Amino acid sequence: MAALAAAIGARVRQERQGRGWTLDQMAEAAGVSRRAVVNVEQGAANPSVGTLLRISDALGIGLPTLVVPPTPRPVAVTRAGRAAALWSGEHGGRGLLVAGTEPPDVVELWDWSLAAGDRHDSEAHVAGTKELLQVRTGTVTLVVGDQTYTLTEGDAASFPGDVDHAYANDTTSEARFSLAVFEPGVGSTTHGDEPST
């Protein structure tokens, strides 16, 4: 019974933390006391089926899910040359999605190349989106809203992705940059079919 209580506690904690809920938020959503949530998460008590049902309902998962021990999330490896090419530039540049996390808070890692004259325009993403860009080679012109920035090798920028923005290469040499995109709450709003960058 202690092993089952520990498994239930670990699963409740994993689900609660995955939603970014505090103990108080979990207790309020489930209609149970904070102490009851703490006891369940610590595997210190033998909670009633009613308490477990209220907790599983608040988490939006079935009661059977609580008794399955949490498993570590698998490591996703993208081998060299296997990244998804989601953008191709008019002059030969490419936007490769090399890694990403699952919803609701999605983080994407991109490898971009811009041939001379290439430009990628991106519409505003979901509210709260943030982007980080670092130029690895060449020069990239970053446009965020009505502001323009010229970034050269080694330069980096952080900027809101929830406004229109663009990446361009106005030089005669190729430019390469790494891009990380944080998009919160994916699935809670409607997204278009375009790649998020």
Protein backbone atom coordinates (compact mmCIF):
# COMPACT_ATOMS: atom_id res chain seq x y z
CA MET A 1 0.00 0.00 0.00
CA ALA A 2 2.89 2.40 0.72
CA ALA A 3 4.24 1.90 -2.82
CA LEU A 4 0.83 2.73 -4.28
CA ALA A 5 0.50 5.84 -2.09
CA ALA A 6 3.98 6.97 -3.20
CA ALA A 7 3.09 6.38 -6.87
CA ILE A 8 -0.15 8.35 -6.52
CA GLY A 9 1.66 11.17 -4.73
CA ALA A 10 4.36 11.36 -7.40
CA ARG A 11 1.76 11.48 -10.17
CA VAL A 12 -0.31 14.20 -8.47
CA ARG A 13 2.83 16.29 -7.92
CA GLN A 14 3.96 15.79 -11.56
CA GLU A 15 0.54 16.77 -12.92
CA ARG A 16 0.19 19.77 -10.58
CA GLN A 17 3.68 21.08 -11.33
CA GLY A 18 3.16 20.48 -15.04
CA ARG A 19 0.26 22.92 -14.88
CA GLY A 20 2.28 25.42 -12.85
CA TRP A 21 -0.17 25.18 -9.94
CA THR A 22 0.74 25.89 -6.34
CA LEU A 23 -0.50 23.57 -3.59
CA ASP A 24 -3.17 26.14 -2.75
CA GLN A 25 -4.34 26.34 -6.37
CA MET A 26 -4.55 22.55 -6.54
CA ALA A 27 -6.52 22.40 -3.30
CA GLU A 28 -8.94 25.09 -4.47
CA ALA A 29 -9.47 23.44 -7.88
CA ALA A 30 -10.13 20.06 -6.24
CA GLY A 31 -12.25 21.38 -3.38
CA VAL A 32 -10.02 19.75 -0.75
CA SER A 33 -7.74 21.17 1.92
CA ARG A 34 -4.14 22.13 1.22
CA ARG A 35 -3.12 19.61 3.88
CA ALA A 36 -4.95 16.84 1.97
CA VAL A 37 -2.97 17.69 -1.19
CA VAL A 38 0.31 17.74 0.75
CA ASN A 39 -0.50 14.38 2.36
CA VAL A 40 -1.38 12.82 -0.99
CA GLU A 41 1.77 14.16 -2.69
CA GLN A 42 3.96 12.92 0.15
CA GLY A 43 2.28 9.52 0.15
CA ALA A 44 1.79 10.06 3.87
CA ALA A 45 -1.92 9.31 4.00
CA ASN A 46 -4.35 6.77 2.66
CA PRO A 47 -6.75 9.22 0.96
CA SER A 48 -10.35 8.35 0.33
CA VAL A 49 -11.52 7.48 -3.15
CA GLY A 50 -13.62 10.66 -3.02
CA THR A 51 -10.51 12.79 -2.41
CA LEU A 52 -8.66 11.04 -5.24
CA LEU A 53 -11.63 11.54 -7.58
CA ARG A 54 -11.79 15.26 -6.75
CA ILE A 55 -8.04 15.59 -7.38
CA SER A 56 -8.09 13.61 -10.63
CA ASP A 57 -11.11 15.62 -11.85
CA ALA A 58 -9.37 18.90 -11.05
CA LEU A 59 -6.31 17.73 -12.99
CA GLY A 60 -8.47 16.62 -15.90
CA ILE A 61 -7.19 13.05 -15.80
CA GLY A 62 -8.95 9.81 -14.91
CA LEU A 63 -8.55 8.14 -11.56
CA PRO A 64 -6.72 5.18 -13.17
CA THR A 65 -4.03 7.61 -14.35
CA LEU A 66 -3.21 8.45 -10.74
CA VAL A 67 -2.25 4.86 -9.95
CA VAL A 68 0.16 4.51 -12.87
CA PRO A 69 3.64 5.57 -11.74
CA PRO A 70 4.98 8.59 -13.62
CA THR A 71 7.58 7.75 -16.22
CA PRO A 72 10.49 9.94 -17.15
CA ARG A 73 9.93 11.82 -20.35
CA PRO A 74 11.93 10.35 -23.17
CA VAL A 75 14.87 12.22 -24.60
CA ALA A 76 14.17 13.32 -28.16
CA VAL A 77 17.31 13.42 -30.28
CA THR A 78 17.44 15.02 -33.71
CA ARG A 79 20.45 13.72 -35.59
CA ALA A 80 22.49 15.97 -37.89
CA GLY A 81 20.79 16.33 -41.24
CA ARG A 82 17.40 15.12 -39.91
CA ALA A 83 15.85 18.42 -38.76
CA ALA A 84 12.54 19.47 -40.28
CA ALA A 85 13.05 22.13 -42.97
CA LEU A 86 9.98 24.31 -42.46
CA TRP A 87 11.07 27.36 -44.45
CA SER A 88 12.98 27.79 -47.69
CA GLY A 89 14.17 31.19 -48.80
CA GLU A 90 13.85 32.58 -52.29
CA HIS A 91 17.66 32.62 -52.57
CA GLY A 92 18.46 29.33 -50.84
CA GLY A 93 18.20 29.98 -47.11
CA ARG A 94 16.49 27.51 -44.79
CA GLY A 95 14.77 27.44 -41.44
CA LEU A 96 15.27 24.09 -39.69
CA LEU A 97 13.30 23.15 -36.58
CA VAL A 98 15.90 21.07 -34.73
CA ALA A 99 14.16 20.49 -31.38
CA GLY A 100 11.00 21.34 -29.49
CA THR A 101 9.00 20.61 -26.39
CA GLU A 102 5.35 19.58 -26.02
CA PRO A 103 2.43 21.86 -25.10
CA PRO A 104 1.24 23.73 -23.26
CA ASP A 105 4.44 25.81 -22.96
CA VAL A 106 6.36 25.12 -26.14
CA VAL A 107 10.04 25.89 -26.64
CA GLU A 108 11.45 25.54 -30.14
CA LEU A 109 15.09 25.53 -31.24
CA TRP A 110 15.79 26.59 -34.82
CA ASP A 111 18.85 26.62 -37.08
CA TRP A 112 18.50 29.33 -39.73
CA SER A 113 20.53 30.21 -42.79
CA LEU A 114 19.77 33.26 -44.90
CA ALA A 115 21.35 33.49 -48.34
CA ALA A 116 22.17 36.95 -49.65
CA GLY A 117 18.87 38.75 -50.22
CA ASP A 118 16.71 36.29 -48.20
CA ARG A 119 14.04 37.60 -45.85
CA HIS A 120 11.53 35.81 -43.64
CA ASP A 121 8.51 37.79 -42.40
CA SER A 122 6.65 36.40 -39.42
CA GLU A 123 3.27 37.44 -38.12
CA ALA A 124 2.77 38.00 -34.40
CA HIS A 125 2.52 34.78 -32.41
CA VAL A 126 0.36 34.07 -29.36
CA ALA A 127 0.53 36.69 -26.58
CA GLY A 128 3.56 36.20 -24.35
CA THR A 129 5.78 34.60 -27.00
CA LYS A 130 9.48 35.40 -26.56
CA GLU A 131 12.33 34.80 -28.99
CA LEU A 132 16.10 34.63 -28.56
CA LEU A 133 18.41 34.94 -31.56
CA GLN A 134 22.19 34.64 -31.86
CA VAL A 135 24.09 35.25 -35.08
CA ARG A 136 26.66 32.53 -35.74
CA THR A 137 28.05 33.88 -39.02
CA GLY A 138 27.40 36.89 -41.22
CA THR A 139 24.98 39.76 -40.62
CA VAL A 140 21.27 39.52 -39.86
CA THR A 141 18.81 42.40 -39.99
CA LEU A 142 16.18 41.88 -37.30
CA VAL A 143 12.93 43.82 -37.60
CA VAL A 144 10.61 43.83 -34.58
CA GLY A 145 7.50 45.94 -35.05
CA ASP A 146 8.79 49.23 -36.44
CA GLN A 147 12.34 48.83 -35.04
CA THR A 148 15.31 47.53 -37.07
CA TYR A 149 18.53 46.09 -35.63
CA THR A 150 21.69 45.00 -37.43
CA LEU A 151 23.32 42.00 -35.73
CA THR A 152 26.72 40.62 -36.66
CA GLU A 153 28.57 37.43 -35.75
CA GLY A 154 28.28 36.72 -32.02
CA ASP A 155 25.57 39.33 -31.43
CA ALA A 156 22.38 38.18 -29.71
CA ALA A 157 18.92 39.65 -29.15
CA SER A 158 15.85 38.81 -27.10
CA PHE A 159 12.55 40.20 -28.30
CA PRO A 160 8.79 39.73 -28.14
CA GLY A 161 7.47 37.30 -30.73
CA ASP A 162 3.90 38.49 -30.23
CA VAL A 163 4.44 41.38 -32.67
CA ASP A 164 5.17 41.19 -36.39
CA HIS A 165 8.87 40.56 -36.96
CA ALA A 166 11.33 39.57 -39.67
CA TYR A 167 14.83 38.22 -40.23
CA ALA A 168 16.71 39.40 -43.32
CA ASN A 169 20.12 39.22 -44.95
CA ASP A 170 20.84 42.47 -46.78
CA THR A 171 24.49 41.56 -47.46
CA THR A 172 26.20 39.57 -50.21
CA SER A 173 27.32 36.71 -47.91
CA GLU A 174 25.33 33.94 -46.20
CA ALA A 175 24.23 34.49 -42.61
CA ARG A 176 23.44 31.80 -40.03
CA PHE A 177 21.74 32.14 -36.70
CA SER A 178 20.24 30.07 -33.91
CA LEU A 179 16.75 30.93 -32.73
CA ALA A 180 14.85 29.83 -29.62
CA VAL A 181 11.12 30.50 -29.40
CA PHE A 182 9.04 30.24 -26.21
CA GLU A 183 5.31 30.07 -26.91
CA PRO A 184 3.15 29.82 -23.75
CA GLY A 185 -0.23 28.16 -23.55
CA VAL A 186 -0.21 26.40 -26.91
CA GLY A 187 -3.55 24.71 -27.43
CA SER A 188 -5.47 27.26 -25.39
CA THR A 189 -5.87 29.57 -28.40
CA THR A 190 -6.23 29.06 -32.13
CA HIS A 191 -3.02 28.93 -34.11
CA GLY A 192 -2.58 29.10 -37.86
CA ASP A 193 -0.96 26.43 -39.99
CA GLU A 194 2.24 28.41 -40.42
CA PRO A 195 5.43 27.49 -38.56
CA SER A 196 5.69 29.62 -35.45
CA THR A 197 8.75 31.57 -36.46
